[in-house]
């Protein structure tokens, strides 16, 4: 399941196949537009250089926090303070709106169309995941080349890869090849 915060963190892409390439998508207007549209947020595109710098700084801090939680760490007072610091400039207004089934619910809407508002929404999204007891579902893909951060929405909470068909299959093939190579090496040692 994709979340606002994981989509933001994963704007730093790494070649999951092991080619060593990476790409910072934060600075790309096409990524900015897609991200804003996907999450129904508003901000100027292309983002200003200082906005990109602020997004990179927050992404780095949020990534470190997610990796710590994925490793069994806990949200300390400093981590909550960090999220509050990023949420503070983001103002919201309340609105009653009908959902797809026609039920009317109270919703909070971002009041500003700027990148600091977007960062406030990302911080709130991450904080909600943790405060609802879901920190144990935050994962880092087991493919060391990928580094993708994801939310494990499986029932038994055992998902290891961001995508079983891509990273999962790749790692399965790598393990198979390593076993075959080890078998060949041990056969060669036995003959000598």
N, C-alpha and C. Protein backbone atom coordinates (compact mmCIF):
# COMPACT_ATOMS: atom_id res chain seq x y z
N UNK A 1 0.85 -1.18 0.00
CA UNK A 1 0.00 0.00 0.00
C UNK A 1 0.89 1.24 0.00
N UNK A 2 0.62 2.12 -0.90
CA UNK A 2 1.37 3.37 -1.00
C UNK A 2 0.77 4.37 -0.03
N UNK A 3 1.62 5.09 0.65
CA UNK A 3 1.19 6.15 1.56
C UNK A 3 1.81 7.46 1.09
N UNK A 4 1.27 8.56 1.56
CA UNK A 4 1.82 9.87 1.22
C UNK A 4 3.28 9.96 1.66
N UNK A 5 3.54 9.56 2.89
CA UNK A 5 4.91 9.67 3.40
C UNK A 5 5.88 8.75 2.68
N UNK A 6 5.46 7.52 2.33
CA UNK A 6 6.40 6.61 1.65
C UNK A 6 6.65 7.09 0.21
N UNK A 7 5.63 7.62 -0.43
CA UNK A 7 5.81 8.15 -1.79
C UNK A 7 6.82 9.30 -1.77
N UNK A 8 6.73 10.12 -0.74
CA UNK A 8 7.66 11.25 -0.60
C UNK A 8 9.09 10.75 -0.34
N UNK A 9 9.25 9.84 0.60
CA UNK A 9 10.59 9.30 0.93
C UNK A 9 11.21 8.65 -0.31
N UNK A 10 10.41 7.91 -1.05
CA UNK A 10 10.93 7.16 -2.20
C UNK A 10 11.16 8.02 -3.43
N UNK A 11 11.08 9.34 -3.27
CA UNK A 11 11.44 10.23 -4.38
C UNK A 11 12.94 10.15 -4.67
N UNK A 12 13.69 9.55 -3.76
CA UNK A 12 15.09 9.25 -4.04
C UNK A 12 15.14 7.80 -4.50
N UNK A 13 15.27 7.62 -5.81
CA UNK A 13 15.18 6.30 -6.43
C UNK A 13 16.56 5.68 -6.58
N UNK A 14 16.64 4.37 -6.33
CA UNK A 14 17.88 3.61 -6.51
C UNK A 14 17.58 2.45 -7.46
N UNK A 15 18.52 2.13 -8.31
CA UNK A 15 18.35 1.04 -9.27
C UNK A 15 18.27 -0.28 -8.52
N UNK A 16 17.09 -0.83 -8.46
CA UNK A 16 16.84 -2.06 -7.70
C UNK A 16 17.51 -3.28 -8.32
N UNK A 17 17.95 -3.16 -9.58
CA UNK A 17 18.61 -4.29 -10.24
C UNK A 17 20.10 -4.36 -9.91
N UNK A 18 20.61 -3.35 -9.23
CA UNK A 18 22.01 -3.39 -8.82
C UNK A 18 22.96 -2.66 -9.73
N UNK A 19 22.46 -1.82 -10.60
CA UNK A 19 23.32 -1.09 -11.53
C UNK A 19 24.05 0.08 -10.88
N UNK A 20 23.69 0.42 -9.65
CA UNK A 20 24.36 1.50 -8.95
C UNK A 20 23.84 2.90 -9.28
N UNK A 21 22.87 2.98 -10.18
CA UNK A 21 22.32 4.29 -10.53
C UNK A 21 21.33 4.74 -9.46
N UNK A 22 21.19 6.03 -9.31
CA UNK A 22 20.17 6.59 -8.44
C UNK A 22 19.70 7.92 -9.04
N UNK A 23 18.58 8.38 -8.57
CA UNK A 23 18.00 9.60 -9.14
C UNK A 23 17.21 10.31 -8.05
N UNK A 24 17.44 11.60 -7.92
CA UNK A 24 16.67 12.41 -6.98
C UNK A 24 15.52 13.04 -7.77
N UNK A 25 14.35 12.53 -7.55
CA UNK A 25 13.20 12.98 -8.32
C UNK A 25 12.56 14.26 -7.78
N UNK A 26 12.94 14.68 -6.59
CA UNK A 26 12.36 15.89 -6.00
C UNK A 26 12.52 17.10 -6.91
N UNK A 27 13.62 17.17 -7.62
CA UNK A 27 13.90 18.36 -8.44
C UNK A 27 13.23 18.31 -9.81
N UNK A 28 12.58 17.22 -10.14
CA UNK A 28 11.96 17.07 -11.46
C UNK A 28 10.52 17.60 -11.44
N UNK A 29 10.21 18.59 -12.27
CA UNK A 29 8.85 19.11 -12.32
C UNK A 29 7.81 18.03 -12.63
N UNK A 30 8.16 17.04 -13.45
CA UNK A 30 7.20 15.97 -13.76
C UNK A 30 6.87 15.15 -12.52
N UNK A 31 7.88 14.87 -11.68
CA UNK A 31 7.61 14.16 -10.43
C UNK A 31 6.78 15.03 -9.50
N UNK A 32 7.14 16.31 -9.39
CA UNK A 32 6.41 17.23 -8.51
C UNK A 32 4.92 17.26 -8.89
N UNK A 33 4.64 17.42 -10.18
CA UNK A 33 3.24 17.47 -10.64
C UNK A 33 2.51 16.18 -10.35
N UNK A 34 3.15 15.06 -10.66
CA UNK A 34 2.53 13.76 -10.42
C UNK A 34 2.25 13.53 -8.95
N UNK A 35 3.22 13.86 -8.09
CA UNK A 35 3.06 13.70 -6.65
C UNK A 35 1.89 14.54 -6.13
N UNK A 36 1.86 15.80 -6.53
CA UNK A 36 0.78 16.69 -6.09
C UNK A 36 -0.58 16.18 -6.58
N UNK A 37 -0.66 15.77 -7.83
CA UNK A 37 -1.92 15.26 -8.37
C UNK A 37 -2.36 13.98 -7.68
N UNK A 38 -1.42 13.05 -7.48
CA UNK A 38 -1.76 11.77 -6.83
C UNK A 38 -2.33 11.96 -5.44
N UNK A 39 -1.81 12.94 -4.71
CA UNK A 39 -2.23 13.14 -3.32
C UNK A 39 -3.15 14.34 -3.14
N UNK A 40 -3.60 14.91 -4.24
CA UNK A 40 -4.55 16.05 -4.22
C UNK A 40 -4.04 17.20 -3.35
N UNK A 41 -2.78 17.55 -3.58
CA UNK A 41 -2.16 18.66 -2.88
C UNK A 41 -1.83 19.74 -3.90
N UNK A 42 -1.57 20.95 -3.41
CA UNK A 42 -1.28 22.06 -4.31
C UNK A 42 -0.01 22.77 -3.87
N UNK A 43 0.83 23.09 -4.85
CA UNK A 43 2.05 23.86 -4.63
C UNK A 43 2.55 24.28 -6.00
N UNK A 44 3.38 25.32 -6.06
CA UNK A 44 3.89 25.77 -7.35
C UNK A 44 4.88 24.77 -7.95
N UNK A 45 4.72 24.55 -9.25
CA UNK A 45 5.63 23.67 -10.01
C UNK A 45 6.19 24.49 -11.15
N UNK A 46 7.50 24.53 -11.33
CA UNK A 46 8.50 23.81 -10.58
C UNK A 46 8.74 24.46 -9.21
N UNK A 47 9.15 23.63 -8.26
CA UNK A 47 9.44 24.10 -6.91
C UNK A 47 10.69 24.97 -6.93
N UNK A 48 10.70 25.97 -6.08
CA UNK A 48 11.88 26.84 -5.97
C UNK A 48 13.04 26.07 -5.35
N UNK A 49 14.25 26.54 -5.59
CA UNK A 49 15.44 25.86 -5.08
C UNK A 49 15.41 25.71 -3.56
N UNK A 50 14.97 26.75 -2.84
CA UNK A 50 14.93 26.64 -1.38
C UNK A 50 13.87 25.64 -0.92
N UNK A 51 12.78 25.51 -1.66
CA UNK A 51 11.77 24.49 -1.33
C UNK A 51 12.33 23.09 -1.55
N UNK A 52 13.08 22.91 -2.63
CA UNK A 52 13.70 21.61 -2.91
C UNK A 52 14.70 21.27 -1.82
N UNK A 53 15.48 22.25 -1.39
CA UNK A 53 16.45 22.02 -0.31
C UNK A 53 15.73 21.62 0.98
N UNK A 54 14.62 22.29 1.30
CA UNK A 54 13.85 21.95 2.51
C UNK A 54 13.25 20.55 2.38
N UNK A 55 12.77 20.19 1.19
CA UNK A 55 12.21 18.85 0.99
C UNK A 55 13.28 17.78 1.14
N UNK A 56 14.46 18.03 0.60
CA UNK A 56 15.56 17.06 0.72
C UNK A 56 15.93 16.85 2.19
N UNK A 57 16.04 17.94 2.92
CA UNK A 57 16.40 17.85 4.34
C UNK A 57 15.36 17.04 5.11
N UNK A 58 14.08 17.32 4.86
CA UNK A 58 13.02 16.58 5.56
C UNK A 58 13.00 15.13 5.12
N UNK A 59 13.18 14.88 3.83
CA UNK A 59 13.19 13.51 3.33
C UNK A 59 14.29 12.70 4.01
N UNK A 60 15.46 13.29 4.16
CA UNK A 60 16.58 12.61 4.80
C UNK A 60 16.25 12.25 6.25
N UNK A 61 15.67 13.19 6.97
CA UNK A 61 15.30 12.95 8.37
C UNK A 61 14.20 11.90 8.48
N UNK A 62 13.21 12.00 7.61
CA UNK A 62 12.09 11.05 7.63
C UNK A 62 12.56 9.65 7.23
N UNK A 63 13.47 9.57 6.28
CA UNK A 63 14.03 8.29 5.86
C UNK A 63 14.76 7.63 7.03
N UNK A 64 15.60 8.38 7.72
CA UNK A 64 16.33 7.84 8.86
C UNK A 64 15.36 7.35 9.95
N UNK A 65 14.31 8.10 10.17
CA UNK A 65 13.30 7.71 11.16
C UNK A 65 12.58 6.44 10.74
N UNK A 66 12.23 6.33 9.46
CA UNK A 66 11.55 5.13 8.96
C UNK A 66 12.46 3.91 9.06
N UNK A 67 13.73 4.06 8.72
CA UNK A 67 14.68 2.96 8.81
C UNK A 67 14.81 2.51 10.26
N UNK A 68 14.88 3.46 11.18
CA UNK A 68 14.97 3.13 12.60
C UNK A 68 13.74 2.35 13.07
N UNK A 69 12.56 2.81 12.69
CA UNK A 69 11.32 2.12 13.07
C UNK A 69 11.25 0.74 12.44
N UNK A 70 11.68 0.62 11.19
CA UNK A 70 11.68 -0.68 10.51
C UNK A 70 12.60 -1.66 11.21
N UNK A 71 13.65 -1.15 11.85
CA UNK A 71 14.59 -1.99 12.58
C UNK A 71 14.17 -2.26 14.01
N UNK A 72 12.96 -1.86 14.38
CA UNK A 72 12.46 -2.13 15.72
C UNK A 72 12.57 -0.96 16.68
N UNK A 73 13.06 0.18 16.20
CA UNK A 73 13.17 1.36 17.06
C UNK A 73 11.81 1.92 17.41
N UNK A 74 11.82 2.92 18.26
CA UNK A 74 10.58 3.56 18.70
C UNK A 74 10.64 5.06 18.46
N UNK A 75 9.46 5.66 18.40
CA UNK A 75 9.35 7.11 18.24
C UNK A 75 9.63 7.76 19.59
N UNK A 76 10.74 8.46 19.67
CA UNK A 76 11.04 9.19 20.89
C UNK A 76 10.46 10.59 20.84
N UNK A 77 10.66 11.32 21.90
CA UNK A 77 10.15 12.69 21.99
C UNK A 77 10.71 13.57 20.88
N UNK A 78 11.99 13.36 20.54
CA UNK A 78 12.62 14.14 19.48
C UNK A 78 11.98 13.91 18.12
N UNK A 79 11.59 12.66 17.86
CA UNK A 79 10.97 12.34 16.57
C UNK A 79 9.59 13.00 16.47
N UNK A 80 8.83 12.97 17.56
CA UNK A 80 7.52 13.63 17.54
C UNK A 80 7.69 15.14 17.39
N UNK A 81 8.72 15.68 18.04
CA UNK A 81 9.01 17.11 17.91
C UNK A 81 9.33 17.47 16.46
N UNK A 82 10.11 16.61 15.80
CA UNK A 82 10.44 16.84 14.39
C UNK A 82 9.18 16.92 13.54
N UNK A 83 8.28 15.96 13.71
CA UNK A 83 7.04 15.97 12.93
C UNK A 83 6.21 17.22 13.24
N UNK A 84 6.12 17.57 14.52
CA UNK A 84 5.37 18.78 14.90
C UNK A 84 5.98 20.03 14.29
N UNK A 85 7.30 20.07 14.23
CA UNK A 85 8.01 21.20 13.65
C UNK A 85 7.62 21.38 12.17
N UNK A 86 7.49 20.29 11.44
CA UNK A 86 7.13 20.37 10.03
C UNK A 86 5.62 20.59 9.83
N UNK A 87 4.82 20.16 10.79
CA UNK A 87 3.37 20.36 10.65
C UNK A 87 2.93 21.77 11.02
N UNK A 88 3.68 22.42 11.89
CA UNK A 88 3.27 23.73 12.42
C UNK A 88 2.94 24.77 11.35
N UNK A 89 3.75 24.93 10.29
CA UNK A 89 3.42 25.95 9.29
C UNK A 89 2.24 25.58 8.38
N UNK A 90 1.83 24.34 8.40
CA UNK A 90 0.74 23.90 7.53
C UNK A 90 -0.61 24.09 8.16
N UNK A 91 -1.37 25.03 7.65
CA UNK A 91 -2.71 25.27 8.20
C UNK A 91 -3.74 24.48 7.41
N UNK A 92 -4.82 24.14 8.09
CA UNK A 92 -5.91 23.38 7.47
C UNK A 92 -7.24 24.04 7.79
N UNK A 93 -8.22 23.72 6.99
CA UNK A 93 -9.59 24.12 7.30
C UNK A 93 -10.45 22.87 7.29
N UNK A 94 -11.55 22.92 7.98
CA UNK A 94 -12.45 21.78 8.06
C UNK A 94 -13.57 21.93 7.04
N UNK A 95 -13.99 20.78 6.50
CA UNK A 95 -15.04 20.78 5.48
C UNK A 95 -15.81 19.46 5.56
N UNK A 96 -17.12 19.56 5.46
CA UNK A 96 -17.93 18.35 5.36
C UNK A 96 -17.99 17.97 3.88
N UNK A 97 -17.65 16.72 3.59
CA UNK A 97 -17.63 16.26 2.21
C UNK A 97 -18.15 14.83 2.14
N UNK A 98 -18.81 14.52 1.03
CA UNK A 98 -19.34 13.17 0.82
C UNK A 98 -18.25 12.29 0.24
N UNK A 99 -18.18 11.06 0.72
CA UNK A 99 -17.23 10.11 0.14
C UNK A 99 -17.90 9.40 -1.03
N UNK A 100 -17.24 8.39 -1.58
CA UNK A 100 -17.77 7.71 -2.78
C UNK A 100 -19.09 7.00 -2.51
N UNK A 101 -19.30 6.58 -1.28
CA UNK A 101 -20.56 5.89 -0.95
C UNK A 101 -21.68 6.86 -0.59
N UNK A 102 -21.35 8.16 -0.54
CA UNK A 102 -22.36 9.16 -0.24
C UNK A 102 -22.43 9.56 1.22
N UNK A 103 -21.60 8.95 2.06
CA UNK A 103 -21.57 9.31 3.49
C UNK A 103 -20.83 10.64 3.66
N UNK A 104 -21.40 11.51 4.45
CA UNK A 104 -20.78 12.80 4.71
C UNK A 104 -19.87 12.67 5.93
N UNK A 105 -18.63 13.16 5.77
CA UNK A 105 -17.65 13.10 6.85
C UNK A 105 -16.92 14.43 6.96
N UNK A 106 -16.48 14.72 8.17
CA UNK A 106 -15.67 15.90 8.40
C UNK A 106 -14.25 15.62 7.93
N UNK A 107 -13.72 16.50 7.08
CA UNK A 107 -12.37 16.31 6.56
C UNK A 107 -11.55 17.58 6.76
N UNK A 108 -10.26 17.38 6.89
CA UNK A 108 -9.33 18.50 7.01
C UNK A 108 -8.68 18.72 5.65
N UNK A 109 -8.71 19.95 5.18
CA UNK A 109 -8.16 20.29 3.87
C UNK A 109 -6.99 21.27 4.04
N UNK A 110 -5.92 21.09 3.27
CA UNK A 110 -4.81 22.04 3.33
C UNK A 110 -5.28 23.43 2.90
N UNK A 111 -4.85 24.45 3.65
CA UNK A 111 -5.30 25.81 3.37
C UNK A 111 -4.39 26.55 2.40
N UNK A 112 -3.14 26.10 2.26
CA UNK A 112 -2.19 26.82 1.42
C UNK A 112 -1.74 25.97 0.24
N UNK A 113 -1.36 26.63 -0.82
CA UNK A 113 -0.84 25.95 -2.01
C UNK A 113 0.66 26.23 -2.10
N UNK A 114 1.40 25.63 -1.18
CA UNK A 114 2.85 25.81 -1.18
C UNK A 114 3.52 24.56 -0.62
N UNK A 115 4.82 24.45 -0.85
CA UNK A 115 5.54 23.23 -0.50
C UNK A 115 5.65 23.00 1.00
N UNK A 116 5.68 24.05 1.81
CA UNK A 116 5.73 23.81 3.26
C UNK A 116 4.43 23.19 3.74
N UNK A 117 3.33 23.49 3.06
CA UNK A 117 2.06 22.84 3.37
C UNK A 117 2.15 21.35 3.01
N UNK A 118 2.77 21.05 1.88
CA UNK A 118 2.94 19.66 1.44
C UNK A 118 3.77 18.90 2.48
N UNK A 119 4.85 19.51 2.97
CA UNK A 119 5.68 18.86 4.00
C UNK A 119 4.88 18.63 5.28
N UNK A 120 4.00 19.56 5.62
CA UNK A 120 3.14 19.38 6.79
C UNK A 120 2.23 18.17 6.61
N UNK A 121 1.70 18.00 5.41
CA UNK A 121 0.82 16.86 5.14
C UNK A 121 1.60 15.54 5.18
N UNK A 122 2.83 15.55 4.68
CA UNK A 122 3.68 14.36 4.72
C UNK A 122 3.97 13.99 6.18
N UNK A 123 4.35 14.99 6.98
CA UNK A 123 4.64 14.75 8.40
C UNK A 123 3.41 14.21 9.12
N UNK A 124 2.25 14.77 8.84
CA UNK A 124 1.01 14.30 9.47
C UNK A 124 0.70 12.86 9.06
N UNK A 125 0.93 12.54 7.80
CA UNK A 125 0.68 11.19 7.31
C UNK A 125 1.57 10.17 8.03
N UNK A 126 2.85 10.50 8.17
CA UNK A 126 3.78 9.60 8.86
C UNK A 126 3.38 9.47 10.33
N UNK A 127 3.11 10.59 10.96
CA UNK A 127 2.71 10.57 12.38
C UNK A 127 1.44 9.77 12.62
N UNK A 128 0.49 9.87 11.70
CA UNK A 128 -0.75 9.09 11.83
C UNK A 128 -0.46 7.59 11.76
N UNK A 129 0.39 7.19 10.85
CA UNK A 129 0.75 5.78 10.74
C UNK A 129 1.30 5.27 12.06
N UNK A 130 2.21 6.02 12.65
CA UNK A 130 2.84 5.60 13.90
C UNK A 130 1.86 5.68 15.06
N UNK A 131 1.11 6.78 15.17
CA UNK A 131 0.21 6.96 16.31
C UNK A 131 -0.95 5.97 16.31
N UNK A 132 -1.26 5.41 15.14
CA UNK A 132 -2.33 4.41 15.07
C UNK A 132 -1.79 3.00 15.33
N UNK A 133 -0.54 2.92 15.83
CA UNK A 133 0.04 1.64 16.18
C UNK A 133 0.56 0.86 14.99
N UNK A 134 0.82 1.52 13.90
CA UNK A 134 1.23 0.84 12.67
C UNK A 134 2.73 0.96 12.38
N UNK A 135 3.53 1.44 13.34
CA UNK A 135 4.97 1.59 13.10
C UNK A 135 5.61 0.25 12.76
N UNK A 136 5.08 -0.84 13.29
CA UNK A 136 5.60 -2.17 13.01
C UNK A 136 5.39 -2.62 11.57
N UNK A 137 4.63 -1.85 10.81
CA UNK A 137 4.39 -2.17 9.40
C UNK A 137 5.31 -1.41 8.46
N UNK A 138 6.14 -0.54 9.00
CA UNK A 138 7.08 0.21 8.17
C UNK A 138 8.27 -0.72 7.87
N UNK A 139 8.60 -0.83 6.62
CA UNK A 139 9.65 -1.75 6.18
C UNK A 139 10.62 -1.07 5.21
N UNK A 140 11.82 -1.67 5.15
CA UNK A 140 12.81 -1.33 4.14
C UNK A 140 12.95 -2.58 3.29
N UNK A 141 12.88 -2.44 1.98
CA UNK A 141 12.97 -3.58 1.08
C UNK A 141 14.24 -4.38 1.37
N UNK A 142 14.12 -5.71 1.42
CA UNK A 142 15.26 -6.59 1.70
C UNK A 142 16.26 -6.66 0.54
N UNK A 143 15.92 -6.09 -0.60
CA UNK A 143 16.87 -6.01 -1.70
C UNK A 143 17.82 -4.84 -1.37
N UNK A 144 19.09 -5.13 -1.07
CA UNK A 144 20.00 -4.06 -0.65
C UNK A 144 20.24 -2.99 -1.71
N UNK A 145 19.95 -3.28 -2.97
CA UNK A 145 20.12 -2.29 -4.02
C UNK A 145 18.92 -1.35 -4.13
N UNK A 146 17.79 -1.77 -3.62
CA UNK A 146 16.55 -1.03 -3.78
C UNK A 146 16.40 0.09 -2.76
N UNK A 147 16.45 -0.24 -1.50
CA UNK A 147 16.32 0.72 -0.38
C UNK A 147 14.94 1.36 -0.28
N UNK A 148 13.94 0.81 -0.96
CA UNK A 148 12.59 1.37 -0.96
C UNK A 148 12.00 1.23 0.44
N UNK A 149 11.33 2.26 0.90
CA UNK A 149 10.62 2.23 2.18
C UNK A 149 9.15 1.97 1.83
N UNK A 150 8.52 1.05 2.55
CA UNK A 150 7.11 0.76 2.25
C UNK A 150 6.33 0.41 3.50
N UNK A 151 5.03 0.46 3.36
CA UNK A 151 4.09 0.10 4.42
C UNK A 151 3.60 -1.31 4.12
N UNK A 152 3.85 -2.23 5.06
CA UNK A 152 3.46 -3.63 4.90
C UNK A 152 1.99 -3.79 5.30
N UNK A 153 1.14 -3.94 4.30
CA UNK A 153 -0.29 -4.06 4.58
C UNK A 153 -0.77 -5.52 4.60
N UNK A 154 0.17 -6.48 4.64
CA UNK A 154 -0.24 -7.88 4.68
C UNK A 154 -0.76 -8.23 6.07
N UNK A 155 -1.61 -9.23 6.12
CA UNK A 155 -2.23 -9.63 7.37
C UNK A 155 -1.20 -10.09 8.42
N UNK A 156 -0.23 -10.90 7.97
CA UNK A 156 0.73 -11.45 8.92
C UNK A 156 2.00 -10.60 9.09
N UNK A 157 2.07 -9.47 8.41
CA UNK A 157 3.17 -8.50 8.55
C UNK A 157 4.54 -9.12 8.27
N UNK A 158 4.64 -9.89 7.22
CA UNK A 158 5.90 -10.55 6.91
C UNK A 158 6.44 -10.17 5.53
N UNK A 159 5.91 -9.16 4.92
CA UNK A 159 6.36 -8.75 3.59
C UNK A 159 7.81 -8.27 3.68
N UNK A 160 8.66 -8.79 2.79
CA UNK A 160 10.08 -8.47 2.80
C UNK A 160 10.50 -7.52 1.69
N UNK A 161 9.73 -7.53 0.62
CA UNK A 161 10.13 -6.76 -0.56
C UNK A 161 9.06 -5.76 -0.93
N UNK A 162 9.50 -4.63 -1.50
CA UNK A 162 8.55 -3.61 -1.93
C UNK A 162 7.64 -4.16 -3.01
N UNK A 163 8.17 -5.06 -3.84
CA UNK A 163 7.39 -5.69 -4.90
C UNK A 163 7.89 -7.12 -5.07
N UNK A 164 7.04 -8.08 -4.79
CA UNK A 164 7.45 -9.50 -4.87
C UNK A 164 7.83 -9.91 -6.28
N UNK A 165 7.21 -9.32 -7.28
CA UNK A 165 7.50 -9.71 -8.67
C UNK A 165 8.83 -9.13 -9.15
N UNK A 166 9.21 -7.98 -8.65
CA UNK A 166 10.46 -7.36 -9.09
C UNK A 166 11.59 -7.70 -8.12
N UNK A 167 11.61 -7.07 -6.98
CA UNK A 167 12.70 -7.30 -6.03
C UNK A 167 12.66 -8.72 -5.47
N UNK A 168 11.48 -9.24 -5.19
CA UNK A 168 11.37 -10.59 -4.66
C UNK A 168 11.94 -11.63 -5.61
N UNK A 169 11.55 -11.56 -6.87
CA UNK A 169 12.07 -12.51 -7.87
C UNK A 169 13.57 -12.32 -8.08
N UNK A 170 14.02 -11.07 -8.13
CA UNK A 170 15.44 -10.81 -8.33
C UNK A 170 16.26 -11.44 -7.20
N UNK A 171 15.82 -11.28 -5.96
CA UNK A 171 16.56 -11.83 -4.83
C UNK A 171 16.50 -13.36 -4.82
N UNK A 172 15.38 -13.91 -5.26
CA UNK A 172 15.26 -15.37 -5.36
C UNK A 172 16.26 -15.92 -6.38
N UNK A 173 16.38 -15.25 -7.51
CA UNK A 173 17.34 -15.65 -8.55
C UNK A 173 18.77 -15.51 -8.02
N UNK A 174 19.06 -14.43 -7.32
CA UNK A 174 20.40 -14.23 -6.76
C UNK A 174 20.75 -15.34 -5.76
N UNK A 175 19.79 -15.70 -4.90
CA UNK A 175 20.05 -16.79 -3.93
C UNK A 175 20.27 -18.11 -4.66
N UNK A 176 19.49 -18.37 -5.69
CA UNK A 176 19.62 -19.61 -6.47
C UNK A 176 21.01 -19.68 -7.11
N UNK A 177 21.42 -18.59 -7.73
CA UNK A 177 22.73 -18.57 -8.39
C UNK A 177 23.87 -18.71 -7.38
N UNK A 178 23.72 -18.10 -6.23
CA UNK A 178 24.76 -18.23 -5.19
C UNK A 178 24.87 -19.67 -4.71
N UNK A 179 23.72 -20.35 -4.55
CA UNK A 179 23.74 -21.77 -4.14
C UNK A 179 24.41 -22.62 -5.20
N UNK A 180 24.07 -22.39 -6.46
CA UNK A 180 24.66 -23.16 -7.56
C UNK A 180 26.18 -22.95 -7.61
N UNK A 181 26.58 -21.71 -7.44
CA UNK A 181 28.01 -21.41 -7.46
C UNK A 181 28.71 -22.08 -6.29
N UNK A 182 28.11 -22.06 -5.12
CA UNK A 182 28.69 -22.70 -3.95
C UNK A 182 28.78 -24.22 -4.16
N UNK A 183 27.75 -24.80 -4.76
CA UNK A 183 27.77 -26.24 -5.05
C UNK A 183 28.89 -26.58 -6.02
N UNK A 184 29.05 -25.75 -7.06
CA UNK A 184 30.11 -25.99 -8.04
C UNK A 184 31.48 -25.89 -7.39
N UNK A 185 31.63 -24.89 -6.52
CA UNK A 185 32.91 -24.70 -5.83
C UNK A 185 33.20 -25.87 -4.89
N UNK A 186 32.18 -26.37 -4.20
CA UNK A 186 32.40 -27.49 -3.29
C UNK A 186 32.66 -28.78 -4.06
N UNK A 187 32.05 -28.93 -5.24
CA UNK A 187 32.32 -30.09 -6.09
C UNK A 187 33.76 -30.04 -6.60
N UNK A 188 34.22 -28.86 -6.96
CA UNK A 188 35.59 -28.68 -7.44
C UNK A 188 36.61 -28.97 -6.34
N UNK A 189 36.28 -28.59 -5.11
CA UNK A 189 37.17 -28.85 -3.98
C UNK A 189 37.21 -30.32 -3.66
N UNK A 190 36.08 -31.03 -3.83
CA UNK A 190 36.01 -32.45 -3.51
C UNK A 190 36.83 -33.27 -4.50
N UNK A 191 36.91 -32.83 -5.76
CA UNK A 191 37.67 -33.56 -6.78
C UNK A 191 39.17 -33.38 -6.59
N UNK A 192 39.58 -32.27 -6.03
CA UNK A 192 41.03 -31.97 -5.90
C UNK A 192 41.70 -32.74 -4.82
